């Protein structure tokens, strides 16, 4: 039986969260622009850097630990944007909690998935698959 390659739940959860954060950075930038909290060039540069950071980290979580490190650092950077837009302390905090939950729950799902697949392989080895069961 041909199996599809297993996709990591942790990578899926964290990539989705990081791409959502890119949108949050866009909206926070609009708020900062509307309230005239920061000069426009600094706003465009900082907002673009954070949004690109989130997208790059989201793409890299599927390739290894560097994406997770970049994502974790991004959580700190988003909380720090609260010094410019005070509401970002709360929003950044919520996203940081969601980041930790995504890492933990995604890792648990991945571990349980591996355990289940190992049990299925062992069952197939002992009992055979389909009509070629041992002992017949």
N, C-alpha and C. Protein backbone atom coordinates (compact mmCIF):
# COMPACT_ATOMS: atom_id res chain seq x y z
N UNK A 1 0.85 -1.17 0.00
CA UNK A 1 0.00 0.00 0.00
C UNK A 1 0.90 1.24 0.00
N UNK A 2 0.63 2.15 -0.90
CA UNK A 2 1.42 3.38 -1.00
C UNK A 2 0.87 4.42 -0.03
N UNK A 3 1.77 4.95 0.77
CA UNK A 3 1.36 5.95 1.75
C UNK A 3 1.81 7.32 1.29
N UNK A 4 0.96 8.30 1.56
CA UNK A 4 1.34 9.69 1.29
C UNK A 4 2.40 10.11 2.29
N UNK A 5 3.30 10.99 1.88
CA UNK A 5 4.25 11.49 2.86
C UNK A 5 3.53 12.25 3.98
N UNK A 6 3.97 12.00 5.19
CA UNK A 6 3.34 12.62 6.35
C UNK A 6 3.72 14.09 6.42
N UNK A 7 2.73 14.95 6.60
CA UNK A 7 2.97 16.38 6.77
C UNK A 7 2.87 16.72 8.25
N UNK A 8 3.76 17.55 8.70
CA UNK A 8 3.82 17.90 10.10
C UNK A 8 2.68 18.83 10.50
N UNK A 9 1.96 18.45 11.54
CA UNK A 9 0.90 19.31 12.07
C UNK A 9 1.52 20.55 12.70
N UNK A 10 2.68 20.38 13.34
CA UNK A 10 3.35 21.53 13.95
C UNK A 10 3.71 22.55 12.88
N UNK A 11 4.26 22.10 11.77
CA UNK A 11 4.64 23.02 10.69
C UNK A 11 3.40 23.69 10.11
N UNK A 12 2.32 22.95 9.95
CA UNK A 12 1.09 23.51 9.41
C UNK A 12 0.52 24.59 10.33
N UNK A 13 0.44 24.28 11.63
CA UNK A 13 -0.12 25.24 12.59
C UNK A 13 0.73 26.51 12.65
N UNK A 14 2.05 26.34 12.76
CA UNK A 14 2.91 27.50 12.92
C UNK A 14 2.99 28.33 11.64
N UNK A 15 3.01 27.67 10.48
CA UNK A 15 3.04 28.42 9.22
C UNK A 15 1.76 29.24 9.06
N UNK A 16 0.65 28.66 9.40
CA UNK A 16 -0.63 29.37 9.31
C UNK A 16 -0.63 30.58 10.25
N UNK A 17 -0.14 30.38 11.45
CA UNK A 17 -0.09 31.47 12.42
C UNK A 17 0.83 32.59 11.95
N UNK A 18 1.99 32.22 11.41
CA UNK A 18 2.93 33.24 10.95
C UNK A 18 2.36 34.04 9.76
N UNK A 19 1.66 33.38 8.87
CA UNK A 19 1.06 34.11 7.76
C UNK A 19 -0.07 35.03 8.25
N UNK A 20 -0.78 34.60 9.28
CA UNK A 20 -1.79 35.46 9.89
C UNK A 20 -1.14 36.68 10.54
N UNK A 21 0.01 36.48 11.13
CA UNK A 21 0.73 37.59 11.75
C UNK A 21 1.19 38.61 10.72
N UNK A 22 1.50 38.16 9.52
CA UNK A 22 1.87 39.10 8.46
C UNK A 22 0.71 40.05 8.18
N UNK A 23 -0.50 39.53 8.22
CA UNK A 23 -1.69 40.38 8.03
C UNK A 23 -1.88 41.33 9.22
N UNK A 24 -1.62 40.83 10.42
CA UNK A 24 -1.74 41.66 11.62
C UNK A 24 -0.76 42.82 11.54
N UNK A 25 0.45 42.56 11.06
CA UNK A 25 1.45 43.62 10.90
C UNK A 25 0.92 44.68 9.93
N UNK A 26 0.29 44.24 8.86
CA UNK A 26 -0.29 45.18 7.89
C UNK A 26 -1.34 46.07 8.56
N UNK A 27 -2.24 45.45 9.32
CA UNK A 27 -3.30 46.23 9.96
C UNK A 27 -2.76 47.14 11.07
N UNK A 28 -1.76 46.66 11.80
CA UNK A 28 -1.14 47.51 12.82
C UNK A 28 -0.45 48.70 12.17
N UNK A 29 0.13 48.48 11.00
CA UNK A 29 0.74 49.57 10.26
C UNK A 29 -0.29 50.61 9.84
N UNK A 30 -1.45 50.14 9.44
CA UNK A 30 -2.52 51.07 9.08
C UNK A 30 -2.98 51.90 10.29
N UNK A 31 -3.03 51.26 11.42
CA UNK A 31 -3.41 51.98 12.65
C UNK A 31 -2.35 53.03 12.98
N UNK A 32 -1.08 52.63 12.92
CA UNK A 32 0.01 53.57 13.22
C UNK A 32 0.01 54.73 12.23
N UNK A 33 -0.32 54.44 10.97
CA UNK A 33 -0.38 55.49 9.96
C UNK A 33 -1.56 56.44 10.25
N UNK A 34 -2.72 55.86 10.55
CA UNK A 34 -3.91 56.66 10.82
C UNK A 34 -3.77 57.54 12.04
N UNK A 35 -3.07 57.05 13.05
CA UNK A 35 -2.88 57.83 14.27
C UNK A 35 -1.62 58.70 14.21
N UNK A 36 -0.90 58.61 13.11
CA UNK A 36 0.34 59.37 12.89
C UNK A 36 1.32 59.19 14.05
N UNK A 37 1.54 57.93 14.40
CA UNK A 37 2.42 57.60 15.51
C UNK A 37 3.89 57.54 15.11
N UNK A 38 4.14 57.28 13.83
CA UNK A 38 5.51 57.08 13.34
C UNK A 38 5.63 57.76 11.98
N UNK A 39 6.79 58.29 11.65
CA UNK A 39 6.98 58.83 10.30
C UNK A 39 6.74 57.73 9.25
N UNK A 40 6.16 58.12 8.14
CA UNK A 40 5.77 57.16 7.11
C UNK A 40 6.93 56.29 6.63
N UNK A 41 8.12 56.84 6.34
CA UNK A 41 9.19 55.95 5.88
C UNK A 41 9.57 54.87 6.91
N UNK A 42 9.61 55.24 8.18
CA UNK A 42 9.91 54.26 9.22
C UNK A 42 8.80 53.22 9.32
N UNK A 43 7.57 53.67 9.17
CA UNK A 43 6.43 52.77 9.22
C UNK A 43 6.48 51.77 8.07
N UNK A 44 6.73 52.25 6.86
CA UNK A 44 6.80 51.36 5.70
C UNK A 44 7.96 50.38 5.82
N UNK A 45 9.12 50.88 6.24
CA UNK A 45 10.28 50.01 6.38
C UNK A 45 10.11 48.97 7.46
N UNK A 46 9.68 49.40 8.63
CA UNK A 46 9.49 48.47 9.74
C UNK A 46 8.37 47.48 9.49
N UNK A 47 7.25 47.98 8.97
CA UNK A 47 6.12 47.09 8.69
C UNK A 47 6.44 46.07 7.62
N UNK A 48 7.12 46.53 6.56
CA UNK A 48 7.50 45.60 5.49
C UNK A 48 8.49 44.56 6.01
N UNK A 49 9.44 44.99 6.83
CA UNK A 49 10.43 44.05 7.37
C UNK A 49 9.75 42.98 8.24
N UNK A 50 8.83 43.39 9.09
CA UNK A 50 8.13 42.42 9.94
C UNK A 50 7.24 41.48 9.12
N UNK A 51 6.56 42.02 8.12
CA UNK A 51 5.69 41.18 7.29
C UNK A 51 6.51 40.16 6.50
N UNK A 52 7.62 40.61 5.92
CA UNK A 52 8.48 39.68 5.16
C UNK A 52 9.08 38.64 6.11
N UNK A 53 9.47 39.08 7.29
CA UNK A 53 10.00 38.17 8.31
C UNK A 53 8.99 37.07 8.62
N UNK A 54 7.73 37.45 8.79
CA UNK A 54 6.68 36.48 9.10
C UNK A 54 6.48 35.50 7.94
N UNK A 55 6.46 35.99 6.73
CA UNK A 55 6.26 35.12 5.56
C UNK A 55 7.45 34.18 5.39
N UNK A 56 8.66 34.70 5.52
CA UNK A 56 9.85 33.85 5.38
C UNK A 56 9.89 32.78 6.47
N UNK A 57 9.62 33.17 7.70
CA UNK A 57 9.60 32.20 8.79
C UNK A 57 8.51 31.15 8.54
N UNK A 58 7.36 31.58 8.03
CA UNK A 58 6.29 30.63 7.71
C UNK A 58 6.69 29.64 6.65
N UNK A 59 7.46 30.08 5.69
CA UNK A 59 7.94 29.17 4.64
C UNK A 59 9.03 28.23 5.16
N UNK A 60 9.83 28.71 6.09
CA UNK A 60 10.96 27.91 6.58
C UNK A 60 10.59 26.88 7.65
N UNK A 61 9.42 27.00 8.26
CA UNK A 61 9.08 26.01 9.31
C UNK A 61 8.95 24.61 8.72
N UNK A 62 8.67 24.51 7.46
CA UNK A 62 8.57 23.19 6.83
C UNK A 62 9.93 22.59 6.52
N UNK A 63 10.98 23.40 6.63
CA UNK A 63 12.31 22.94 6.24
C UNK A 63 13.26 22.70 7.41
N UNK A 64 12.86 23.03 8.61
CA UNK A 64 13.75 22.78 9.74
C UNK A 64 13.56 23.76 10.87
N UNK A 65 14.51 23.73 11.78
CA UNK A 65 14.37 24.50 13.00
C UNK A 65 14.57 26.00 12.80
N UNK A 66 15.23 26.41 11.73
CA UNK A 66 15.47 27.84 11.54
C UNK A 66 14.14 28.61 11.47
N UNK A 67 13.12 28.04 10.87
CA UNK A 67 11.82 28.69 10.80
C UNK A 67 11.19 28.86 12.17
N UNK A 68 11.37 27.86 13.03
CA UNK A 68 10.83 27.95 14.38
C UNK A 68 11.57 29.01 15.20
N UNK A 69 12.87 29.11 15.01
CA UNK A 69 13.66 30.12 15.72
C UNK A 69 13.24 31.51 15.25
N UNK A 70 13.14 31.69 13.92
CA UNK A 70 12.71 32.99 13.39
C UNK A 70 11.30 33.34 13.86
N UNK A 71 10.43 32.35 13.90
CA UNK A 71 9.07 32.58 14.37
C UNK A 71 9.02 32.97 15.83
N UNK A 72 9.84 32.34 16.65
CA UNK A 72 9.89 32.68 18.06
C UNK A 72 10.41 34.10 18.27
N UNK A 73 11.44 34.45 17.53
CA UNK A 73 11.97 35.81 17.63
C UNK A 73 10.95 36.84 17.13
N UNK A 74 10.17 36.46 16.13
CA UNK A 74 9.14 37.35 15.61
C UNK A 74 8.09 37.64 16.69
N UNK A 75 7.79 36.64 17.51
CA UNK A 75 6.80 36.87 18.57
C UNK A 75 7.28 37.97 19.51
N UNK A 76 8.56 37.95 19.83
CA UNK A 76 9.13 39.00 20.69
C UNK A 76 9.09 40.36 19.99
N UNK A 77 9.39 40.36 18.70
CA UNK A 77 9.37 41.61 17.94
C UNK A 77 7.95 42.18 17.88
N UNK A 78 6.95 41.31 17.70
CA UNK A 78 5.57 41.81 17.64
C UNK A 78 5.13 42.39 18.97
N UNK A 79 5.53 41.76 20.06
CA UNK A 79 5.19 42.32 21.37
C UNK A 79 5.88 43.67 21.53
N UNK A 80 7.11 43.77 21.06
CA UNK A 80 7.86 45.03 21.17
C UNK A 80 7.23 46.15 20.35
N UNK A 81 6.45 45.82 19.31
CA UNK A 81 5.78 46.87 18.54
C UNK A 81 4.74 47.60 19.38
N UNK A 82 4.45 47.06 20.56
CA UNK A 82 3.55 47.74 21.48
C UNK A 82 4.08 49.08 21.94
N UNK A 83 5.38 49.29 21.80
CA UNK A 83 5.94 50.60 22.15
C UNK A 83 5.55 51.67 21.13
N UNK A 84 5.15 51.23 19.94
CA UNK A 84 4.69 52.16 18.90
C UNK A 84 3.16 52.21 18.89
N UNK A 85 2.53 51.05 18.84
CA UNK A 85 1.07 50.93 18.88
C UNK A 85 0.74 50.14 20.15
N UNK A 86 0.35 50.81 21.24
CA UNK A 86 0.19 50.14 22.53
C UNK A 86 -0.71 48.90 22.51
N UNK A 87 -1.70 48.87 21.65
CA UNK A 87 -2.58 47.71 21.58
C UNK A 87 -1.83 46.45 21.14
N UNK A 88 -0.67 46.62 20.51
CA UNK A 88 0.11 45.47 20.06
C UNK A 88 0.72 44.69 21.21
N UNK A 89 0.81 45.29 22.41
CA UNK A 89 1.25 44.51 23.56
C UNK A 89 0.27 43.35 23.77
N UNK A 90 -1.01 43.65 23.73
CA UNK A 90 -2.03 42.61 23.90
C UNK A 90 -2.12 41.67 22.73
N UNK A 91 -2.15 42.23 21.53
CA UNK A 91 -2.27 41.39 20.34
C UNK A 91 -1.03 40.52 20.17
N UNK A 92 0.15 41.13 20.36
CA UNK A 92 1.38 40.35 20.28
C UNK A 92 1.43 39.26 21.34
N UNK A 93 0.93 39.57 22.54
CA UNK A 93 0.88 38.56 23.59
C UNK A 93 -0.03 37.40 23.24
N UNK A 94 -1.18 37.71 22.65
CA UNK A 94 -2.11 36.65 22.24
C UNK A 94 -1.45 35.77 21.18
N UNK A 95 -0.80 36.39 20.21
CA UNK A 95 -0.14 35.61 19.16
C UNK A 95 1.02 34.79 19.74
N UNK A 96 1.72 35.31 20.73
CA UNK A 96 2.80 34.55 21.36
C UNK A 96 2.25 33.31 22.06
N UNK A 97 1.11 33.45 22.73
CA UNK A 97 0.47 32.29 23.36
C UNK A 97 0.03 31.29 22.30
N UNK A 98 -0.57 31.79 21.22
CA UNK A 98 -0.98 30.90 20.13
C UNK A 98 0.23 30.20 19.52
N UNK A 99 1.36 30.88 19.44
CA UNK A 99 2.59 30.29 18.92
C UNK A 99 3.02 29.11 19.80
N UNK A 100 3.02 29.33 21.11
CA UNK A 100 3.40 28.26 22.04
C UNK A 100 2.43 27.08 21.96
N UNK A 101 1.15 27.38 21.85
CA UNK A 101 0.15 26.32 21.73
C UNK A 101 0.34 25.55 20.43
N UNK A 102 0.62 26.26 19.35
CA UNK A 102 0.85 25.60 18.05
C UNK A 102 2.06 24.68 18.12
N UNK A 103 3.13 25.13 18.77
CA UNK A 103 4.31 24.29 18.90
C UNK A 103 4.01 23.04 19.72
N UNK A 104 3.33 23.23 20.84
CA UNK A 104 3.07 22.10 21.75
C UNK A 104 2.05 21.12 21.17
N UNK A 105 0.90 21.62 20.76
CA UNK A 105 -0.16 20.73 20.27
C UNK A 105 0.26 20.10 18.94
N UNK A 106 0.88 20.88 18.07
CA UNK A 106 1.35 20.32 16.80
C UNK A 106 2.37 19.22 17.02
N UNK A 107 3.27 19.42 17.99
CA UNK A 107 4.25 18.38 18.31
C UNK A 107 3.59 17.13 18.87
N UNK A 108 2.56 17.31 19.69
CA UNK A 108 1.85 16.15 20.24
C UNK A 108 1.15 15.37 19.13
N UNK A 109 0.52 16.09 18.21
CA UNK A 109 -0.16 15.42 17.10
C UNK A 109 0.84 14.66 16.25
N UNK A 110 1.98 15.27 15.96
CA UNK A 110 3.01 14.59 15.17
C UNK A 110 3.51 13.32 15.87
N UNK A 111 3.74 13.40 17.19
CA UNK A 111 4.21 12.24 17.94
C UNK A 111 3.16 11.13 17.95
N UNK A 112 1.90 11.49 18.15
CA UNK A 112 0.84 10.48 18.16
C UNK A 112 0.66 9.86 16.77
N UNK A 113 0.87 10.66 15.73
CA UNK A 113 0.77 10.16 14.37
C UNK A 113 1.86 9.12 14.09
N UNK A 114 3.07 9.40 14.54
CA UNK A 114 4.17 8.45 14.36
C UNK A 114 3.89 7.16 15.12
N UNK A 115 3.39 7.31 16.36
CA UNK A 115 3.06 6.14 17.17
C UNK A 115 1.99 5.29 16.49
N UNK A 116 0.96 5.93 15.95
CA UNK A 116 -0.12 5.21 15.27
C UNK A 116 0.40 4.49 14.03
N UNK A 117 1.24 5.16 13.24
CA UNK A 117 1.77 4.55 12.03
C UNK A 117 2.67 3.36 12.36
N UNK A 118 3.45 3.47 13.44
CA UNK A 118 4.27 2.34 13.87
C UNK A 118 3.39 1.16 14.27
N UNK A 119 2.31 1.44 14.99
CA UNK A 119 1.40 0.37 15.40
C UNK A 119 0.73 -0.27 14.18
N UNK A 120 0.37 0.54 13.18
CA UNK A 120 -0.24 -0.01 11.97
C UNK A 120 0.75 -0.91 11.23
N UNK A 121 2.01 -0.47 11.12
CA UNK A 121 3.03 -1.28 10.45
C UNK A 121 3.24 -2.60 11.18
N UNK A 122 3.27 -2.54 12.49
CA UNK A 122 3.45 -3.76 13.29
C UNK A 122 2.27 -4.69 13.10
N UNK A 123 1.06 -4.15 13.07
CA UNK A 123 -0.13 -4.97 12.86
C UNK A 123 -0.08 -5.63 11.48
N UNK A 124 0.29 -4.84 10.47
CA UNK A 124 0.38 -5.39 9.11
C UNK A 124 1.46 -6.46 9.02
N UNK A 125 2.55 -6.28 9.74
CA UNK A 125 3.62 -7.27 9.73
C UNK A 125 3.16 -8.58 10.37
N UNK A 126 2.41 -8.47 11.47
CA UNK A 126 1.95 -9.67 12.18
C UNK A 126 0.78 -10.35 11.49
N UNK A 127 -0.14 -9.57 10.96
CA UNK A 127 -1.38 -10.12 10.43
C UNK A 127 -1.46 -10.10 8.91
N UNK A 128 -0.52 -9.48 8.27
CA UNK A 128 -0.58 -9.38 6.82
C UNK A 128 -1.64 -8.38 6.41
N UNK A 129 -1.69 -8.12 5.15
CA UNK A 129 -2.69 -7.18 4.63
C UNK A 129 -3.56 -7.90 3.62
N UNK A 130 -4.81 -7.61 3.66
CA UNK A 130 -5.74 -8.16 2.66
C UNK A 130 -5.84 -9.66 2.76
N UNK A 131 -5.73 -10.36 1.62
CA UNK A 131 -5.96 -11.80 1.55
C UNK A 131 -4.73 -12.64 1.83
N UNK A 132 -3.56 -12.06 2.04
CA UNK A 132 -2.39 -12.88 2.29
C UNK A 132 -2.00 -12.91 3.76
N UNK A 133 -2.97 -13.21 4.61
CA UNK A 133 -2.69 -13.31 6.04
C UNK A 133 -1.91 -14.60 6.30
N UNK A 134 -0.94 -14.59 7.22
CA UNK A 134 -0.15 -15.80 7.49
C UNK A 134 -1.02 -16.90 8.08
N UNK A 135 -0.63 -18.15 7.78
CA UNK A 135 -1.37 -19.29 8.31
C UNK A 135 -2.46 -19.78 7.39
N UNK A 136 -2.61 -19.22 6.22
CA UNK A 136 -3.65 -19.67 5.29
C UNK A 136 -3.05 -20.38 4.14
